[in-house]
Amino acid sequence: MFKEFSSFAVKIIELYSKEETKKIKESFWTTLGKYLSLIPVSDGSKVNWINYKTGIKYLVFRMDVNYKGGVIAIEICHPDQHVRLQMLDQFQQYALLLESELGEKWEWNNDYIDEFGRPIIRIFKEIDGVNIFIREDWPKLISFFKPRIMGLDSFWSTAKYSFEKFKYV
């Protein structure tokens, strides 16, 4: 998922137990959540930015971090390949709006395999060379995630109505 990082970074993660790793990640997500809580949602409602709900089953906006970097993604996880491809087609129809709201192009991977071995479609952007275990990197990660999740929110406030047909499939 992330490009190679230094052996120094690998040694840092080896210093932490699973429990310590969990606490560090929780602390990061709490910090990011507090920072983002000050930002209003496009439609004026309240939202949990970290666990952004699209309202469409099998369509998620996901953020992840580790010792190599971070990623923000739109993931189409429907178990039926035909439905996944229909949802992809819908996103392709809105590609210009998505790019406009994000202010950049993202990578599109139609054959991504998730951590559970399931095929999904993923539209994503990564940042490399930052480490969740180095607190000094947190501002870079927050600066990476903030405009992108806000761009996704702005995009979704316009595009979500055309995805309603996938709400119950």
N, C-alpha and C. Protein backbone atom coordinates (compact mmCIF):
# COMPACT_ATOMS: atom_id res chain seq x y z
N MET A 1 0.83 -1.19 0.00
CA MET A 1 0.00 0.00 0.00
C MET A 1 0.87 1.25 0.00
N PHE A 2 1.88 1.30 0.82
CA PHE A 2 2.75 2.46 0.88
C PHE A 2 4.11 2.10 0.30
N LYS A 3 4.79 3.08 -0.27
CA LYS A 3 6.12 2.84 -0.79
C LYS A 3 7.09 2.53 0.34
N GLU A 4 8.22 1.98 -0.02
CA GLU A 4 9.22 1.62 1.00
C GLU A 4 9.68 2.85 1.78
N PHE A 5 9.93 2.64 3.03
CA PHE A 5 10.41 3.69 3.92
C PHE A 5 11.76 3.25 4.45
N SER A 6 12.37 3.98 5.28
CA SER A 6 13.70 3.64 5.78
C SER A 6 13.67 2.51 6.79
N SER A 7 14.82 1.84 6.94
CA SER A 7 14.91 0.78 7.95
C SER A 7 14.79 1.38 9.35
N PHE A 8 15.13 2.67 9.49
CA PHE A 8 14.96 3.37 10.76
C PHE A 8 13.49 3.35 11.18
N ALA A 9 12.62 3.59 10.22
CA ALA A 9 11.18 3.60 10.52
C ALA A 9 10.70 2.22 10.96
N VAL A 10 11.21 1.20 10.32
CA VAL A 10 10.84 -0.17 10.70
C VAL A 10 11.29 -0.46 12.13
N LYS A 11 12.48 -0.01 12.48
CA LYS A 11 12.98 -0.22 13.85
C LYS A 11 12.10 0.51 14.87
N ILE A 12 11.59 1.68 14.52
CA ILE A 12 10.72 2.43 15.42
C ILE A 12 9.47 1.62 15.74
N ILE A 13 8.84 1.07 14.71
CA ILE A 13 7.59 0.32 14.95
C ILE A 13 7.86 -0.94 15.76
N GLU A 14 9.03 -1.53 15.60
CA GLU A 14 9.36 -2.73 16.36
C GLU A 14 9.51 -2.44 17.85
N LEU A 15 9.67 -1.17 18.21
CA LEU A 15 9.81 -0.79 19.61
C LEU A 15 8.49 -0.82 20.37
N TYR A 16 7.39 -0.83 19.65
CA TYR A 16 6.09 -0.71 20.28
C TYR A 16 5.35 -2.04 20.32
N SER A 17 4.66 -2.30 21.42
CA SER A 17 3.80 -3.48 21.52
C SER A 17 2.52 -3.19 20.74
N LYS A 18 1.71 -4.22 20.56
CA LYS A 18 0.43 -4.03 19.88
C LYS A 18 -0.44 -3.03 20.62
N GLU A 19 -0.43 -3.10 21.96
CA GLU A 19 -1.23 -2.18 22.77
C GLU A 19 -0.73 -0.74 22.63
N GLU A 20 0.58 -0.56 22.64
CA GLU A 20 1.15 0.79 22.48
C GLU A 20 0.84 1.33 21.08
N THR A 21 0.96 0.46 20.09
CA THR A 21 0.64 0.86 18.71
C THR A 21 -0.81 1.31 18.62
N LYS A 22 -1.70 0.54 19.23
CA LYS A 22 -3.12 0.88 19.23
C LYS A 22 -3.35 2.23 19.89
N LYS A 23 -2.71 2.49 21.03
CA LYS A 23 -2.88 3.76 21.74
C LYS A 23 -2.36 4.94 20.92
N ILE A 24 -1.24 4.75 20.26
CA ILE A 24 -0.68 5.83 19.44
C ILE A 24 -1.63 6.15 18.29
N LYS A 25 -2.14 5.13 17.64
CA LYS A 25 -3.07 5.37 16.53
C LYS A 25 -4.36 6.01 17.03
N GLU A 26 -4.88 5.54 18.15
CA GLU A 26 -6.09 6.16 18.73
C GLU A 26 -5.85 7.62 19.05
N SER A 27 -4.68 7.91 19.60
CA SER A 27 -4.33 9.29 19.93
C SER A 27 -4.27 10.16 18.67
N PHE A 28 -3.68 9.62 17.61
CA PHE A 28 -3.62 10.37 16.36
C PHE A 28 -5.03 10.65 15.83
N TRP A 29 -5.87 9.60 15.76
CA TRP A 29 -7.21 9.78 15.21
C TRP A 29 -8.05 10.72 16.08
N THR A 30 -7.86 10.67 17.38
CA THR A 30 -8.55 11.60 18.28
C THR A 30 -8.10 13.03 18.00
N THR A 31 -6.79 13.21 17.85
CA THR A 31 -6.25 14.54 17.54
C THR A 31 -6.79 15.05 16.22
N LEU A 32 -6.76 14.21 15.20
CA LEU A 32 -7.30 14.62 13.90
C LEU A 32 -8.79 14.92 14.01
N GLY A 33 -9.52 14.08 14.72
CA GLY A 33 -10.96 14.29 14.89
C GLY A 33 -11.28 15.61 15.57
N LYS A 34 -10.51 15.95 16.60
CA LYS A 34 -10.72 17.24 17.29
C LYS A 34 -10.43 18.40 16.35
N TYR A 35 -9.38 18.27 15.59
CA TYR A 35 -9.01 19.32 14.64
C TYR A 35 -10.10 19.49 13.58
N LEU A 36 -10.61 18.38 13.07
CA LEU A 36 -11.63 18.44 12.02
C LEU A 36 -13.00 18.83 12.56
N SER A 37 -13.24 18.61 13.85
CA SER A 37 -14.55 18.94 14.42
C SER A 37 -14.87 20.43 14.33
N LEU A 38 -13.86 21.24 14.14
CA LEU A 38 -14.06 22.68 14.01
C LEU A 38 -14.52 23.09 12.62
N ILE A 39 -14.50 22.14 11.69
CA ILE A 39 -14.83 22.42 10.29
C ILE A 39 -16.26 22.00 10.01
N PRO A 40 -17.08 22.92 9.48
CA PRO A 40 -18.46 22.55 9.17
C PRO A 40 -18.54 21.64 7.95
N VAL A 41 -19.56 20.83 7.91
CA VAL A 41 -19.81 19.94 6.78
C VAL A 41 -20.48 20.76 5.68
N SER A 42 -20.34 20.32 4.44
CA SER A 42 -20.90 21.05 3.29
C SER A 42 -22.37 21.36 3.44
N ASP A 43 -23.15 20.39 3.94
CA ASP A 43 -24.60 20.61 4.05
C ASP A 43 -25.01 21.18 5.40
N GLY A 44 -24.03 21.49 6.25
CA GLY A 44 -24.32 22.11 7.54
C GLY A 44 -24.62 21.14 8.67
N SER A 45 -24.71 19.85 8.39
CA SER A 45 -24.99 18.88 9.43
C SER A 45 -23.71 18.50 10.19
N LYS A 46 -23.88 17.74 11.27
CA LYS A 46 -22.74 17.29 12.05
C LYS A 46 -22.27 15.95 11.49
N VAL A 47 -20.96 15.75 11.45
CA VAL A 47 -20.42 14.53 10.88
C VAL A 47 -19.22 14.06 11.69
N ASN A 48 -19.04 12.76 11.73
CA ASN A 48 -17.82 12.18 12.27
C ASN A 48 -16.86 12.05 11.09
N TRP A 49 -15.94 12.98 10.98
CA TRP A 49 -15.04 13.02 9.83
C TRP A 49 -14.21 11.75 9.72
N ILE A 50 -13.80 11.19 10.84
CA ILE A 50 -12.93 10.02 10.83
C ILE A 50 -13.68 8.79 10.33
N ASN A 51 -14.97 8.70 10.63
CA ASN A 51 -15.79 7.57 10.21
C ASN A 51 -16.91 8.12 9.33
N TYR A 52 -16.54 8.75 8.23
CA TYR A 52 -17.47 9.43 7.34
C TYR A 52 -18.47 8.44 6.76
N LYS A 53 -19.73 8.72 6.93
CA LYS A 53 -20.81 7.86 6.43
C LYS A 53 -21.31 8.39 5.09
N THR A 54 -21.23 7.55 4.07
CA THR A 54 -21.76 7.94 2.76
C THR A 54 -23.26 7.68 2.66
N GLY A 55 -23.77 6.79 3.50
CA GLY A 55 -25.18 6.41 3.43
C GLY A 55 -25.44 5.32 2.40
N ILE A 56 -24.38 4.88 1.72
CA ILE A 56 -24.49 3.82 0.72
C ILE A 56 -23.69 2.63 1.23
N LYS A 57 -24.39 1.51 1.42
CA LYS A 57 -23.71 0.31 1.88
C LYS A 57 -22.65 -0.09 0.85
N TYR A 58 -21.52 -0.49 1.32
CA TYR A 58 -20.39 -0.92 0.49
C TYR A 58 -19.67 0.23 -0.21
N LEU A 59 -19.94 1.45 0.18
CA LEU A 59 -19.20 2.60 -0.36
C LEU A 59 -18.68 3.40 0.83
N VAL A 60 -17.37 3.41 1.00
CA VAL A 60 -16.78 4.07 2.18
C VAL A 60 -15.68 5.04 1.77
N PHE A 61 -15.54 6.07 2.58
CA PHE A 61 -14.39 6.97 2.51
C PHE A 61 -13.49 6.55 3.66
N ARG A 62 -12.27 6.14 3.36
CA ARG A 62 -11.38 5.57 4.37
C ARG A 62 -10.08 6.35 4.45
N MET A 63 -9.61 6.53 5.68
CA MET A 63 -8.28 7.09 5.92
C MET A 63 -7.49 6.06 6.72
N ASP A 64 -6.20 5.94 6.42
CA ASP A 64 -5.36 5.01 7.15
C ASP A 64 -3.95 5.58 7.24
N VAL A 65 -3.25 5.20 8.30
CA VAL A 65 -1.86 5.63 8.51
C VAL A 65 -1.05 4.47 9.06
N ASN A 66 0.23 4.51 8.81
CA ASN A 66 1.15 3.57 9.44
C ASN A 66 2.54 4.20 9.48
N TYR A 67 3.56 3.41 9.66
CA TYR A 67 4.90 3.96 9.80
C TYR A 67 5.51 4.35 8.46
N LYS A 68 4.83 4.08 7.36
CA LYS A 68 5.34 4.42 6.03
C LYS A 68 4.66 5.63 5.42
N GLY A 69 3.43 5.95 5.88
CA GLY A 69 2.70 7.05 5.28
C GLY A 69 1.22 7.00 5.61
N GLY A 70 0.45 7.62 4.74
CA GLY A 70 -0.99 7.68 4.93
C GLY A 70 -1.71 7.55 3.60
N VAL A 71 -2.98 7.20 3.67
CA VAL A 71 -3.79 7.06 2.47
C VAL A 71 -5.21 7.50 2.80
N ILE A 72 -5.84 8.15 1.83
CA ILE A 72 -7.26 8.46 1.91
C ILE A 72 -7.87 7.88 0.64
N ALA A 73 -9.02 7.22 0.79
CA ALA A 73 -9.56 6.49 -0.35
C ALA A 73 -11.08 6.47 -0.35
N ILE A 74 -11.60 6.36 -1.54
CA ILE A 74 -12.99 5.98 -1.77
C ILE A 74 -12.91 4.50 -2.10
N GLU A 75 -13.63 3.68 -1.34
CA GLU A 75 -13.58 2.25 -1.60
C GLU A 75 -14.98 1.73 -1.92
N ILE A 76 -15.06 1.06 -3.06
CA ILE A 76 -16.29 0.41 -3.50
C ILE A 76 -16.11 -1.06 -3.18
N CYS A 77 -16.82 -1.53 -2.17
CA CYS A 77 -16.58 -2.85 -1.58
C CYS A 77 -17.69 -3.85 -1.84
N HIS A 78 -18.62 -3.54 -2.71
CA HIS A 78 -19.76 -4.44 -2.91
C HIS A 78 -19.27 -5.83 -3.32
N PRO A 79 -19.83 -6.90 -2.73
CA PRO A 79 -19.37 -8.25 -3.06
C PRO A 79 -19.68 -8.68 -4.49
N ASP A 80 -20.67 -8.05 -5.12
CA ASP A 80 -21.04 -8.39 -6.49
C ASP A 80 -20.23 -7.51 -7.46
N GLN A 81 -19.40 -8.16 -8.27
CA GLN A 81 -18.54 -7.43 -9.20
C GLN A 81 -19.34 -6.54 -10.15
N HIS A 82 -20.49 -7.02 -10.60
CA HIS A 82 -21.33 -6.23 -11.51
C HIS A 82 -21.76 -4.91 -10.86
N VAL A 83 -22.16 -4.98 -9.61
CA VAL A 83 -22.58 -3.76 -8.89
C VAL A 83 -21.37 -2.86 -8.67
N ARG A 84 -20.22 -3.44 -8.31
CA ARG A 84 -19.00 -2.63 -8.13
C ARG A 84 -18.69 -1.85 -9.40
N LEU A 85 -18.79 -2.53 -10.53
CA LEU A 85 -18.50 -1.87 -11.81
C LEU A 85 -19.52 -0.80 -12.15
N GLN A 86 -20.78 -1.02 -11.79
CA GLN A 86 -21.80 0.02 -12.00
C GLN A 86 -21.49 1.25 -11.14
N MET A 87 -21.07 1.01 -9.90
CA MET A 87 -20.71 2.13 -9.03
C MET A 87 -19.47 2.85 -9.57
N LEU A 88 -18.51 2.10 -10.08
CA LEU A 88 -17.33 2.70 -10.70
C LEU A 88 -17.74 3.57 -11.87
N ASP A 89 -18.63 3.06 -12.71
CA ASP A 89 -19.11 3.83 -13.85
C ASP A 89 -19.73 5.15 -13.39
N GLN A 90 -20.49 5.09 -12.29
CA GLN A 90 -21.10 6.31 -11.75
C GLN A 90 -20.01 7.30 -11.31
N PHE A 91 -18.97 6.80 -10.65
CA PHE A 91 -17.87 7.68 -10.25
C PHE A 91 -17.15 8.25 -11.46
N GLN A 92 -16.98 7.45 -12.50
CA GLN A 92 -16.32 7.94 -13.71
C GLN A 92 -17.12 9.07 -14.35
N GLN A 93 -18.44 8.99 -14.26
CA GLN A 93 -19.27 10.07 -14.79
C GLN A 93 -19.07 11.36 -14.01
N TYR A 94 -18.68 11.24 -12.76
CA TYR A 94 -18.45 12.39 -11.90
C TYR A 94 -16.97 12.69 -11.69
N ALA A 95 -16.11 12.10 -12.50
CA ALA A 95 -14.66 12.24 -12.31
C ALA A 95 -14.19 13.70 -12.35
N LEU A 96 -14.73 14.49 -13.26
CA LEU A 96 -14.32 15.89 -13.34
C LEU A 96 -14.73 16.68 -12.10
N LEU A 97 -15.93 16.42 -11.60
CA LEU A 97 -16.38 17.08 -10.37
C LEU A 97 -15.51 16.64 -9.19
N LEU A 98 -15.23 15.35 -9.11
CA LEU A 98 -14.38 14.83 -8.03
C LEU A 98 -13.01 15.50 -8.06
N GLU A 99 -12.41 15.53 -9.22
CA GLU A 99 -11.09 16.15 -9.36
C GLU A 99 -11.14 17.64 -9.03
N SER A 100 -12.20 18.29 -9.44
CA SER A 100 -12.36 19.72 -9.16
C SER A 100 -12.47 19.98 -7.66
N GLU A 101 -13.28 19.19 -6.97
CA GLU A 101 -13.47 19.37 -5.52
C GLU A 101 -12.21 19.02 -4.74
N LEU A 102 -11.47 18.02 -5.22
CA LEU A 102 -10.24 17.60 -4.53
C LEU A 102 -9.06 18.50 -4.88
N GLY A 103 -9.14 19.15 -6.02
CA GLY A 103 -8.04 20.01 -6.45
C GLY A 103 -6.83 19.24 -6.96
N GLU A 104 -7.03 17.96 -7.29
CA GLU A 104 -5.93 17.12 -7.77
C GLU A 104 -6.50 15.83 -8.33
N LYS A 105 -5.68 15.13 -9.09
CA LYS A 105 -6.07 13.81 -9.59
C LYS A 105 -5.68 12.76 -8.56
N TRP A 106 -6.53 11.76 -8.42
CA TRP A 106 -6.26 10.62 -7.56
C TRP A 106 -6.03 9.40 -8.43
N GLU A 107 -5.45 8.36 -7.84
CA GLU A 107 -5.23 7.11 -8.54
C GLU A 107 -6.52 6.28 -8.49
N TRP A 108 -6.78 5.57 -9.57
CA TRP A 108 -7.95 4.69 -9.66
C TRP A 108 -7.43 3.27 -9.83
N ASN A 109 -7.83 2.37 -8.94
CA ASN A 109 -7.42 0.97 -9.02
C ASN A 109 -8.68 0.11 -9.02
N ASN A 110 -8.98 -0.46 -10.18
CA ASN A 110 -10.20 -1.25 -10.34
C ASN A 110 -10.03 -2.69 -9.86
N ASP A 111 -8.80 -3.08 -9.53
CA ASP A 111 -8.50 -4.46 -9.15
C ASP A 111 -7.77 -4.54 -7.81
N TYR A 112 -8.11 -3.69 -6.89
CA TYR A 112 -7.43 -3.67 -5.59
C TYR A 112 -7.94 -4.84 -4.73
N ILE A 113 -7.04 -5.45 -4.00
CA ILE A 113 -7.40 -6.50 -3.05
C ILE A 113 -7.19 -5.93 -1.65
N ASP A 114 -8.25 -5.93 -0.83
CA ASP A 114 -8.14 -5.34 0.50
C ASP A 114 -7.41 -6.29 1.46
N GLU A 115 -7.26 -5.84 2.71
CA GLU A 115 -6.50 -6.61 3.71
C GLU A 115 -7.15 -7.95 4.06
N PHE A 116 -8.40 -8.16 3.64
CA PHE A 116 -9.09 -9.42 3.90
C PHE A 116 -9.13 -10.31 2.65
N GLY A 117 -8.44 -9.88 1.60
CA GLY A 117 -8.38 -10.67 0.37
C GLY A 117 -9.56 -10.48 -0.56
N ARG A 118 -10.40 -9.48 -0.28
CA ARG A 118 -11.59 -9.23 -1.10
C ARG A 118 -11.26 -8.24 -2.22
N PRO A 119 -11.81 -8.47 -3.41
CA PRO A 119 -11.62 -7.50 -4.49
C PRO A 119 -12.50 -6.27 -4.25
N ILE A 120 -11.90 -5.11 -4.38
CA ILE A 120 -12.64 -3.85 -4.28
C ILE A 120 -12.12 -2.91 -5.36
N ILE A 121 -12.82 -1.82 -5.53
CA ILE A 121 -12.36 -0.74 -6.39
C ILE A 121 -11.96 0.40 -5.47
N ARG A 122 -10.81 0.99 -5.76
CA ARG A 122 -10.27 2.01 -4.86
C ARG A 122 -9.82 3.23 -5.65
N ILE A 123 -10.30 4.39 -5.23
CA ILE A 123 -9.87 5.68 -5.76
C ILE A 123 -9.15 6.34 -4.59
N PHE A 124 -7.87 6.69 -4.75
CA PHE A 124 -7.11 7.05 -3.56
C PHE A 124 -5.97 8.03 -3.83
N LYS A 125 -5.46 8.57 -2.73
CA LYS A 125 -4.27 9.44 -2.73
C LYS A 125 -3.42 9.04 -1.53
N GLU A 126 -2.11 8.95 -1.73
CA GLU A 126 -1.19 8.56 -0.66
C GLU A 126 -0.19 9.66 -0.35
N ILE A 127 0.31 9.61 0.86
CA ILE A 127 1.46 10.42 1.26
C ILE A 127 2.50 9.45 1.82
N ASP A 128 3.71 9.57 1.35
CA ASP A 128 4.79 8.71 1.81
C ASP A 128 5.78 9.53 2.63
N GLY A 129 6.61 8.81 3.39
CA GLY A 129 7.69 9.47 4.12
C GLY A 129 7.28 10.13 5.41
N VAL A 130 6.10 9.79 5.91
CA VAL A 130 5.67 10.27 7.23
C VAL A 130 5.33 9.05 8.06
N ASN A 131 5.46 9.19 9.36
CA ASN A 131 5.36 8.04 10.25
C ASN A 131 4.44 8.37 11.41
N ILE A 132 3.41 7.58 11.58
CA ILE A 132 2.44 7.76 12.67
C ILE A 132 3.12 7.72 14.03
N PHE A 133 4.26 7.04 14.14
CA PHE A 133 4.94 6.88 15.42
C PHE A 133 5.88 8.05 15.74
N ILE A 134 6.00 8.98 14.81
CA ILE A 134 6.81 10.18 15.04
C ILE A 134 5.84 11.35 15.15
N ARG A 135 5.62 11.82 16.36
CA ARG A 135 4.63 12.89 16.59
C ARG A 135 4.89 14.14 15.75
N GLU A 136 6.14 14.39 15.45
CA GLU A 136 6.48 15.55 14.62
C GLU A 136 5.92 15.42 13.20
N ASP A 137 5.57 14.21 12.79
CA ASP A 137 4.97 13.99 11.47
C ASP A 137 3.45 14.21 11.47
N TRP A 138 2.84 14.26 12.63
CA TRP A 138 1.39 14.40 12.69
C TRP A 138 0.87 15.63 11.97
N PRO A 139 1.51 16.80 12.10
CA PRO A 139 1.00 17.96 11.35
C PRO A 139 1.00 17.72 9.84
N LYS A 140 1.99 17.01 9.32
CA LYS A 140 2.01 16.69 7.89
C LYS A 140 0.85 15.78 7.52
N LEU A 141 0.59 14.79 8.38
CA LEU A 141 -0.53 13.89 8.13
C LEU A 141 -1.86 14.63 8.20
N ILE A 142 -2.02 15.47 9.21
CA ILE A 142 -3.25 16.25 9.34
C ILE A 142 -3.43 17.18 8.14
N SER A 143 -2.35 17.81 7.71
CA SER A 143 -2.40 18.69 6.54
C SER A 143 -2.71 17.92 5.26
N PHE A 144 -2.34 16.66 5.23
CA PHE A 144 -2.66 15.80 4.09
C PHE A 144 -4.15 15.42 4.10
N PHE A 145 -4.63 14.97 5.25
CA PHE A 145 -6.01 14.47 5.33
C PHE A 145 -7.05 15.59 5.25
N LYS A 146 -6.82 16.69 5.92
CA LYS A 146 -7.85 17.74 6.06
C LYS A 146 -8.43 18.21 4.73
N PRO A 147 -7.63 18.73 3.80
CA PRO A 147 -8.26 19.24 2.58
C PRO A 147 -8.90 18.15 1.74
N ARG A 148 -8.39 16.95 1.84
CA ARG A 148 -8.93 15.86 1.02
C ARG A 148 -10.26 15.35 1.55
N ILE A 149 -10.39 15.19 2.86
CA ILE A 149 -11.69 14.75 3.40
C ILE A 149 -12.73 15.86 3.21
N MET A 150 -12.30 17.11 3.30
CA MET A 150 -13.22 18.22 3.03
C MET A 150 -13.63 18.23 1.56
N GLY A 151 -12.68 17.94 0.66
CA GLY A 151 -12.99 17.86 -0.76
C GLY A 151 -13.95 16.72 -1.06
N LEU A 152 -13.74 15.57 -0.39
CA LEU A 152 -14.66 14.45 -0.55
C LEU A 152 -16.06 14.83 -0.07
N ASP A 153 -16.12 15.52 1.06
CA ASP A 153 -17.41 15.95 1.60
C ASP A 153 -18.12 16.89 0.62
N SER A 154 -17.39 17.83 0.07
CA SER A 154 -17.98 18.77 -0.88
C SER A 154 -18.46 18.02 -2.13
N PHE A 155 -17.64 17.12 -2.63
CA PHE A 155 -18.03 16.30 -3.77
C PHE A 155 -19.30 15.50 -3.45
N TRP A 156 -19.29 14.84 -2.28
CA TRP A 156 -20.39 13.96 -1.92
C TRP A 156 -21.70 14.72 -1.72
N SER A 157 -21.62 15.95 -1.25
CA SER A 157 -22.84 16.73 -1.05
C SER A 157 -23.56 16.98 -2.37
N THR A 158 -22.83 16.98 -3.47
CA THR A 158 -23.43 17.16 -4.79
C THR A 158 -23.76 15.82 -5.45
N ALA A 159 -22.84 14.87 -5.38
CA ALA A 159 -22.95 13.63 -6.16
C ALA A 159 -23.79 12.54 -5.50
N LYS A 160 -23.99 12.61 -4.20
CA LYS A 160 -24.63 11.49 -3.49
C LYS A 160 -26.00 11.12 -4.02
N TYR A 161 -26.73 12.08 -4.54
CA TYR A 161 -28.08 11.80 -5.01
C TYR A 161 -28.09 10.85 -6.22
N SER A 162 -27.04 10.90 -7.01
CA SER A 162 -26.99 10.00 -8.16
C SER A 162 -26.57 8.58 -7.77
N PHE A 163 -26.15 8.40 -6.52
CA PHE A 163 -25.78 7.07 -6.02
C PHE A 163 -26.90 6.42 -5.22
N GLU A 164 -28.02 7.10 -5.09
CA GLU A 164 -29.15 6.58 -4.31
C GLU A 164 -29.61 5.21 -4.81
N LYS A 165 -29.47 4.97 -6.10
CA LYS A 165 -29.91 3.69 -6.65
C LYS A 165 -29.11 2.51 -6.09
N PHE A 166 -27.95 2.80 -5.49
CA PHE A 166 -27.14 1.73 -4.90
C PHE A 166 -27.39 1.54 -3.40
N LYS A 167 -28.32 2.29 -2.89
CA LYS A 167 -28.56 2.29 -1.45
C LYS A 167 -29.01 0.92 -0.92
N TYR A 168 -29.75 0.19 -1.73
CA TYR A 168 -30.33 -1.07 -1.25
C TYR A 168 -29.93 -2.28 -2.10
N VAL A 169 -28.84 -2.16 -2.85
CA VAL A 169 -28.42 -3.33 -3.66
C VAL A 169 -27.34 -4.12 -2.97
